[in-house]
């Protein structure tokens, strides 16, 4: 079976892993690459497009159009650049679209892809965090399936028995704890972006790695799970699991807990989404339980990682509060990377922005999501400037 695949964000970590899975497909399973999109890594984008014989390659940066055009000259691959070209790439007829663009920049193209009826392999958290109900309506209207790619949500997707939804009591998201799992709050105050990016288990991009270190990544995943699995905030738990072997769990009313286990390799979740409902043969590490010896679990320290409580606040408030949280978080993250604020300042800024911006209604359209996002970023920037 050959499926038409577009990869939004093909030059990022998720996109690269996706194309690696595609390259290892064999037998009756294969993908025909329709469109690939990237931002500034033009050399890699062009190489990917030629290697996978893509029909269309797009950079979201309009200033890099000439460079991409030259890199693909004579290949027969169509080239585009800028936000409108990104939407066009996402709207190409495809059976499945990998939504791997990081941040709210991925919202518009992923919504465009959903409207085509393609299955959406969702690795972009912001689609649900910022526009949960709006995005779910777009998926339902398009008629495609929503296939979660985040390792935690993919794990839940694998062990959530669809005919037993009435018996689901809770879902349990696991967190590695990141590089600061055992660090005191006072010691975290002085860490650098390089320190925060050194994830002990997963190979990820800079921003996602820092989000993991602050637990903002897990906060966003809680909100995602709320929408993906229609679970109330208090039924979504987080547990620290340093080995990252159990990717998440579902607890049922009879006391059973079902878990999905595997090596910390995003290709497993990506492969499950690309092949769904069939499992693909993947070149990932197999677990050796004798070598594992033990699996550890620890409660989240809310004082050191208050982002978890901010997620619960956002879920309980509803409306556009997820977009407010995310917009403030992205502004604070950029400021931390630039050296303008400290590591602990990020969560304080988001907390204050959420307190200040509580009047946004449920977004009826994408423009309302962007309005809440802009307001959150503006307010965060005022607080950052005042530090």
Protein backbone atom coordinates (compact mmCIF):
# COMPACT_ATOMS: atom_id res chain seq x y z
CA UNK A 1 0.00 0.00 0.00
CA UNK A 2 1.45 3.35 -1.07
CA UNK A 3 0.24 6.42 0.81
CA UNK A 4 0.70 10.01 -0.35
CA UNK A 5 2.57 11.89 2.41
CA UNK A 6 3.35 15.55 2.99
CA UNK A 7 5.77 16.56 5.76
CA UNK A 8 5.34 20.03 7.26
CA UNK A 9 8.60 20.88 8.99
CA UNK A 10 10.70 18.24 7.24
CA UNK A 11 14.03 19.78 8.30
CA UNK A 12 13.22 19.64 12.03
CA UNK A 13 13.78 16.66 14.31
CA UNK A 14 10.31 15.21 13.72
CA UNK A 15 10.56 15.76 9.96
CA UNK A 16 13.97 14.13 9.73
CA UNK A 17 12.79 11.13 11.73
CA UNK A 18 9.69 10.88 9.56
CA UNK A 19 11.73 10.70 6.38
CA UNK A 20 14.02 8.15 8.01
CA UNK A 21 10.97 5.95 8.69
CA UNK A 22 9.87 6.41 5.07
CA UNK A 23 13.33 5.39 3.84
CA UNK A 24 13.13 2.16 5.85
CA UNK A 25 9.68 1.18 4.62
CA UNK A 26 9.64 -1.94 2.53
CA UNK A 27 7.47 -4.72 1.22
CA UNK A 28 3.88 -3.62 0.74
CA UNK A 29 4.30 -0.40 2.73
CA UNK A 30 5.61 2.79 1.12
CA UNK A 31 5.03 6.54 0.91
CA UNK A 32 4.94 8.83 -2.09
CA UNK A 33 6.21 12.24 -0.94
CA UNK A 34 3.94 15.04 -2.09
CA UNK A 35 5.30 18.14 -0.32
CA UNK A 36 8.13 19.01 2.05
CA UNK A 37 8.43 22.29 3.94
CA UNK A 38 11.18 23.87 5.99
CA UNK A 39 12.41 27.27 7.08
CA UNK A 40 16.07 28.31 6.81
CA UNK A 41 17.89 25.01 6.33
CA UNK A 42 17.70 25.26 2.55
CA UNK A 43 20.50 22.77 1.83
CA UNK A 44 18.79 20.04 3.83
CA UNK A 45 15.35 20.82 2.41
CA UNK A 46 16.65 20.59 -1.15
CA UNK A 47 18.52 17.38 -0.41
CA UNK A 48 15.41 15.82 1.14
CA UNK A 49 13.24 16.87 -1.80
CA UNK A 50 15.61 15.32 -4.32
CA UNK A 51 16.25 12.17 -2.30
CA UNK A 52 12.53 11.48 -1.85
CA UNK A 53 11.44 12.78 -5.25
CA UNK A 54 9.00 15.27 -3.72
CA UNK A 55 6.63 17.08 -6.02
CA UNK A 56 6.84 20.37 -4.07
CA UNK A 57 9.37 21.97 -1.71
CA UNK A 58 8.56 25.12 0.25
CA UNK A 59 10.53 27.36 2.58
CA UNK A 60 8.44 29.46 4.93
CA UNK A 61 11.04 32.23 4.63
CA UNK A 62 10.23 34.26 1.46
CA UNK A 63 13.76 35.70 1.39
CA UNK A 64 15.20 32.22 0.74
CA UNK A 65 13.11 31.49 -2.38
CA UNK A 66 15.94 32.16 -4.84
CA UNK A 67 18.33 29.94 -2.92
CA UNK A 68 15.86 27.04 -2.84
CA UNK A 69 14.98 27.56 -6.50
CA UNK A 70 18.66 27.39 -7.47
CA UNK A 71 19.27 24.31 -5.31
CA UNK A 72 16.46 22.44 -7.07
CA UNK A 73 17.09 23.72 -10.59
CA UNK A 74 16.65 21.00 -13.17
CA UNK A 75 15.07 18.56 -10.69
CA UNK A 76 11.50 19.09 -11.84
CA UNK A 77 10.48 19.78 -8.23
CA UNK A 78 8.13 22.74 -7.82
CA UNK A 79 9.37 25.43 -5.41
CA UNK A 80 7.53 27.90 -3.20
CA UNK A 81 8.27 30.34 -0.39
CA UNK A 82 6.38 32.29 2.26
CA UNK A 83 3.25 31.75 4.35
CA UNK A 84 0.89 31.42 1.40
CA UNK A 85 3.10 28.81 -0.23
CA UNK A 86 3.18 26.95 3.09
CA UNK A 87 -0.63 26.83 3.10
CA UNK A 88 -0.57 25.66 -0.52
CA UNK A 89 1.84 22.85 0.37
CA UNK A 90 -0.36 21.77 3.27
CA UNK A 91 -3.41 21.80 1.01
CA UNK A 92 -1.97 19.45 -1.60
CA UNK A 93 -3.99 16.22 -1.99
CA UNK A 94 -2.42 13.69 0.36
CA UNK A 95 -3.48 10.65 2.36
CA UNK A 96 -1.54 11.72 5.44
CA UNK A 97 0.17 14.95 6.54
CA UNK A 98 2.88 14.99 9.18
CA UNK A 99 2.36 18.23 11.15
CA UNK A 100 5.86 18.81 12.50
CA UNK A 101 6.21 22.60 12.41
CA UNK A 102 7.14 23.85 15.89
CA UNK A 103 5.08 26.55 17.59
CA UNK A 104 1.95 28.45 16.63
CA UNK A 105 3.46 28.90 13.16
CA UNK A 106 2.23 25.38 12.48
CA UNK A 107 -1.43 26.13 13.22
CA UNK A 108 -2.57 27.67 9.92
CA UNK A 109 -0.95 25.09 7.62
CA UNK A 110 -2.15 22.19 9.77
CA UNK A 111 -5.71 23.55 9.74
CA UNK A 112 -5.43 23.83 5.97
CA UNK A 113 -4.29 20.20 5.76
CA UNK A 114 -7.17 19.08 7.99
CA UNK A 115 -9.70 20.72 5.68
CA UNK A 116 -8.56 18.49 2.79
CA UNK A 117 -9.67 15.31 4.55
CA UNK A 118 -6.13 13.96 4.94
CA UNK A 119 -5.19 12.05 8.07
CA UNK A 120 -3.21 14.39 10.33
CA UNK A 121 -0.19 12.90 12.11
CA UNK A 122 0.02 15.56 14.80
CA UNK A 123 3.41 16.45 16.26
CA UNK A 124 2.55 20.15 16.67
CA UNK A 125 1.28 20.77 20.20
CA UNK A 126 -0.03 24.25 19.56
CA UNK A 127 -2.87 23.12 17.27
CA UNK A 128 -4.68 21.67 20.26
CA UNK A 129 -3.21 23.84 23.02
CA UNK A 130 -4.16 27.10 21.30
CA UNK A 131 -7.15 26.08 19.18
CA UNK A 132 -8.39 22.79 20.62
CA UNK A 133 -12.09 22.89 19.76
CA UNK A 134 -11.52 24.79 16.52
CA UNK A 135 -8.98 22.21 15.38
CA UNK A 136 -11.15 19.22 16.33
CA UNK A 137 -14.03 20.71 14.34
CA UNK A 138 -11.72 21.11 11.33
CA UNK A 139 -10.65 17.47 11.58
CA UNK A 140 -14.26 16.29 11.85
CA UNK A 141 -15.40 18.49 8.95
CA UNK A 142 -12.57 17.32 6.72
CA UNK A 143 -13.25 13.68 7.49
CA UNK A 144 -9.66 12.64 8.17
CA UNK A 145 -8.27 10.93 11.25
CA UNK A 146 -6.24 12.63 13.98
CA UNK A 147 -3.20 10.47 14.76
CA UNK A 148 -1.10 11.73 17.71
CA UNK A 149 2.67 11.60 17.24
CA UNK A 150 3.97 12.96 20.55
CA UNK A 151 5.37 9.86 22.24
CA UNK A 152 3.07 10.28 25.25
CA UNK A 153 -0.14 10.73 23.31
CA UNK A 154 0.81 8.08 20.81
CA UNK A 155 1.29 5.69 23.72
CA UNK A 156 -2.17 6.50 25.07
CA UNK A 157 -3.61 6.11 21.57
CA UNK A 158 -2.11 2.62 21.41
CA UNK A 159 -3.50 1.38 24.75
CA UNK A 160 -6.78 3.29 25.00
CA UNK A 161 -9.41 0.63 24.28
CA UNK A 162 -12.04 2.37 22.19
CA UNK A 163 -14.84 0.09 23.35
CA UNK A 164 -13.92 0.69 27.00
CA UNK A 165 -13.99 4.48 27.09
CA UNK A 166 -16.67 4.34 29.80
CA UNK A 167 -14.17 2.57 32.06
CA UNK A 168 -11.27 5.02 31.69
CA UNK A 169 -10.55 6.70 35.02
CA UNK A 170 -7.31 8.52 34.25
CA UNK A 171 -4.46 8.90 31.86
CA UNK A 172 -0.91 9.14 33.15
CA UNK A 173 1.67 11.08 31.16
CA UNK A 174 5.27 10.19 31.91
CA UNK A 175 8.02 12.80 32.06
CA UNK A 176 11.74 12.11 32.06
CA UNK A 177 12.31 15.01 34.43
CA UNK A 178 14.79 16.54 32.00
CA UNK A 179 18.32 17.64 32.91
CA UNK A 180 17.19 19.39 36.12
CA UNK A 181 15.17 16.53 37.63
CA UNK A 182 17.22 16.55 40.85
CA UNK A 183 18.37 20.17 40.81
CA UNK A 184 17.16 22.49 43.57
CA UNK A 185 15.09 25.54 42.66
CA UNK A 186 17.90 27.86 43.77
CA UNK A 187 20.38 26.05 41.52
CA UNK A 188 17.96 26.21 38.57
CA UNK A 189 17.99 29.99 38.80
CA UNK A 190 21.48 30.13 37.29
CA UNK A 191 21.24 27.57 34.48
CA UNK A 192 21.95 28.56 30.88
CA UNK A 193 20.10 27.69 27.66
CA UNK A 194 22.91 25.24 26.86
CA UNK A 195 22.38 23.53 30.23
CA UNK A 196 18.62 23.36 29.66
CA UNK A 197 19.02 21.94 26.13
CA UNK A 198 21.02 18.92 27.34
CA UNK A 199 18.16 16.40 27.52
CA UNK A 200 19.30 13.10 29.07
CA UNK A 201 17.16 10.76 26.91
CA UNK A 202 15.68 12.39 23.82
CA UNK A 203 17.32 14.06 20.84
CA UNK A 204 15.20 17.16 20.19
CA UNK A 205 15.44 20.72 18.96
CA UNK A 206 16.66 23.57 21.18
CA UNK A 207 13.27 25.04 22.09
CA UNK A 208 11.58 21.69 22.76
CA UNK A 209 14.52 20.58 24.90
CA UNK A 210 14.33 23.75 27.02
CA UNK A 211 10.55 23.33 27.31
CA UNK A 212 11.20 19.81 28.60
CA UNK A 213 13.68 21.11 31.17
CA UNK A 214 11.11 23.59 32.50
CA UNK A 215 8.23 21.07 32.22
CA UNK A 216 6.36 23.48 29.94
CA UNK A 217 6.51 20.71 27.36
CA UNK A 218 4.59 18.46 29.73
CA UNK A 219 2.15 21.26 30.56
CA UNK A 220 1.30 21.60 26.87
CA UNK A 221 0.96 17.82 26.60
CA UNK A 222 -1.60 17.85 29.41
CA UNK A 223 -3.73 20.33 27.48
CA UNK A 224 -3.29 18.25 24.32
CA UNK A 225 -4.46 15.15 26.15
CA UNK A 226 -7.48 17.03 27.45
CA UNK A 227 -8.65 17.64 23.88
CA UNK A 228 -7.37 14.47 22.22
CA UNK A 229 -8.99 12.06 24.65
CA UNK A 230 -11.82 14.20 26.03
CA UNK A 231 -10.52 13.92 29.59
CA UNK A 232 -11.23 16.37 32.44
CA UNK A 233 -8.21 18.18 33.92
CA UNK A 234 -8.23 16.23 37.18
CA UNK A 235 -8.12 12.90 35.31
CA UNK A 236 -4.81 13.80 33.64
CA UNK A 237 -1.79 12.94 35.78
CA UNK A 238 1.95 13.41 35.30
CA UNK A 239 4.60 11.16 36.79
CA UNK A 240 8.38 11.45 36.50
CA UNK A 241 9.90 8.35 34.92
CA UNK A 242 13.64 8.99 34.38
CA UNK A 243 14.29 6.04 32.06
CA UNK A 244 11.69 7.15 29.45
CA UNK A 245 10.79 3.52 28.73
CA UNK A 246 7.11 3.71 29.65
CA UNK A 247 5.78 6.47 27.41
CA UNK A 248 2.37 6.85 29.07
CA UNK A 249 -0.42 4.84 30.68
CA UNK A 250 -4.19 4.52 30.89
CA UNK A 251 -5.91 3.60 34.17
CA UNK A 252 -9.25 1.78 34.10
CA UNK A 253 -12.08 1.43 36.59
CA UNK A 254 -11.18 -2.20 37.40
CA UNK A 255 -7.76 -1.13 38.66
CA UNK A 256 -5.92 -2.17 35.51
CA UNK A 257 -3.26 0.12 34.09
CA UNK A 258 -2.17 -0.40 30.48
CA UNK A 259 1.18 1.02 29.40
CA UNK A 260 3.10 1.33 26.15
CA UNK A 261 6.83 0.69 26.44
CA UNK A 262 9.71 1.19 24.05
CA UNK A 263 13.13 2.71 23.61
CA UNK A 264 13.14 6.54 23.61
CA UNK A 265 13.03 6.86 19.82
CA UNK A 266 10.45 9.05 18.07
CA UNK A 267 10.48 6.77 15.05
CA UNK A 268 8.26 4.32 16.93
CA UNK A 269 5.44 6.84 17.38
CA UNK A 270 5.96 8.23 13.87
CA UNK A 271 5.87 4.77 12.35
CA UNK A 272 2.70 3.89 14.23
CA UNK A 273 1.00 6.99 12.82
CA UNK A 274 2.26 6.48 9.26
CA UNK A 275 1.25 2.83 9.15
CA UNK A 276 -1.94 3.01 11.20
CA UNK A 277 -3.74 0.70 11.73
CA UNK A 278 -0.90 -1.60 10.62
CA UNK A 279 2.39 -1.70 12.50
CA UNK A 280 5.52 -1.14 10.43
CA UNK A 281 8.85 -2.94 10.80
CA UNK A 282 11.17 -0.26 12.19
CA UNK A 283 14.94 -0.21 12.84
CA UNK A 284 14.62 0.88 16.47
CA UNK A 285 16.28 -0.56 19.54
CA UNK A 286 14.49 -3.53 21.10
CA UNK A 287 14.06 -3.50 24.88
CA UNK A 288 16.19 -5.91 26.87
CA UNK A 289 14.31 -6.16 30.16
CA UNK A 290 17.16 -7.98 31.93
CA UNK A 291 19.45 -5.03 31.17
CA UNK A 292 16.83 -2.50 32.20
CA UNK A 293 16.66 -4.05 35.66
CA UNK A 294 14.47 -1.29 37.10
CA UNK A 295 11.97 1.41 36.21
CA UNK A 296 11.69 4.37 38.57
CA UNK A 297 8.80 6.75 39.20
CA UNK A 298 8.63 9.99 41.18
CA UNK A 299 5.93 12.56 41.89
CA UNK A 300 6.24 15.97 40.23
CA UNK A 301 7.64 18.63 42.55
CA UNK A 302 5.14 21.45 41.97
CA UNK A 303 7.39 24.01 43.66
CA UNK A 304 10.29 23.37 41.30
CA UNK A 305 8.10 22.77 38.23
CA UNK A 306 5.02 25.02 38.54
CA UNK A 307 4.25 24.82 34.80
CA UNK A 308 2.11 21.75 35.54
CA UNK A 309 -0.26 23.82 37.69
CA UNK A 310 -0.45 26.49 34.98
CA UNK A 311 -1.70 23.83 32.56
CA UNK A 312 -4.49 22.82 34.94
CA UNK A 313 -5.46 26.49 35.31
CA UNK A 314 -5.63 26.87 31.54
CA UNK A 315 -7.77 23.74 31.13
CA UNK A 316 -10.20 24.75 33.87
CA UNK A 317 -10.53 28.27 32.50
CA UNK A 318 -10.98 27.08 28.92
CA UNK A 319 -11.76 29.52 26.10
CA UNK A 320 -8.48 30.95 24.70
CA UNK A 321 -6.41 30.48 27.84
CA UNK A 322 -4.30 27.79 26.17
CA UNK A 323 -3.31 30.29 23.48
CA UNK A 324 -2.48 32.84 26.20
CA UNK A 325 -0.30 30.34 28.06
CA UNK A 326 1.51 29.28 24.90
CA UNK A 327 2.03 32.80 23.56
CA UNK A 328 3.51 33.98 26.84
CA UNK A 329 5.63 30.84 27.08
CA UNK A 330 7.07 31.28 23.58
CA UNK A 331 7.93 34.94 24.28
CA UNK A 332 9.57 34.03 27.58
CA UNK A 333 11.46 31.14 25.98
CA UNK A 334 12.88 33.40 23.26
CA UNK A 335 13.94 35.89 25.94
CA UNK A 336 15.68 33.14 27.95
CA UNK A 337 17.54 31.88 24.87
CA UNK A 338 18.61 35.48 24.14
CA UNK A 339 19.94 35.85 27.68
CA UNK A 340 17.43 38.55 28.63
CA UNK A 341 15.85 36.62 31.52
CA UNK A 342 16.69 33.71 33.77
CA UNK A 343 15.36 30.16 33.60
CA UNK A 344 12.93 30.59 36.49
CA UNK A 345 11.68 33.91 35.14
CA UNK A 346 9.92 32.07 32.32
CA UNK A 347 7.23 30.48 34.47
CA UNK A 348 6.76 33.67 36.52
CA UNK A 349 6.12 35.66 33.35
CA UNK A 350 3.59 33.12 32.03
CA UNK A 351 1.83 33.08 35.41
CA UNK A 352 1.46 36.87 35.40
CA UNK A 353 0.27 36.99 31.78
CA UNK A 354 -2.38 34.34 32.47
CA UNK A 355 -3.58 36.36 35.48
CA UNK A 356 -3.80 39.50 33.34
CA UNK A 357 -5.48 38.06 30.24
CA UNK A 358 -8.63 36.21 31.26
CA UNK A 359 -11.31 37.80 29.08
CA UNK A 360 -10.76 36.04 25.74
CA UNK A 361 -13.71 33.92 24.62
CA UNK A 362 -13.61 30.54 22.88
CA UNK A 363 -11.93 31.28 19.52
CA UNK A 364 -14.53 31.03 16.72
CA UNK A 365 -11.84 31.27 14.03
CA UNK A 366 -8.08 31.21 13.64
CA UNK A 367 -7.87 35.02 13.72
CA UNK A 368 -9.13 34.99 17.32
CA UNK A 369 -6.41 32.50 18.27
CA UNK A 370 -3.75 34.78 16.80
CA UNK A 371 -5.28 37.77 18.63
CA UNK A 372 -4.94 36.00 21.99
CA UNK A 373 -1.43 34.89 21.07
CA UNK A 374 -0.37 38.45 20.16
CA UNK A 375 -1.86 39.88 23.34
CA UNK A 376 -0.01 37.30 25.44
CA UNK A 377 3.30 37.96 23.69
CA UNK A 378 2.89 41.74 24.06
CA UNK A 379 2.10 41.46 27.76
CA UNK A 380 5.00 39.04 28.28
CA UNK A 381 7.36 41.43 26.49
CA UNK A 382 6.32 44.27 28.79
CA UNK A 383 7.10 42.11 31.81
CA UNK A 384 10.43 40.99 30.33
CA UNK A 385 11.45 44.57 29.62
CA UNK A 386 10.69 45.51 33.21
CA UNK A 387 13.01 42.89 34.72
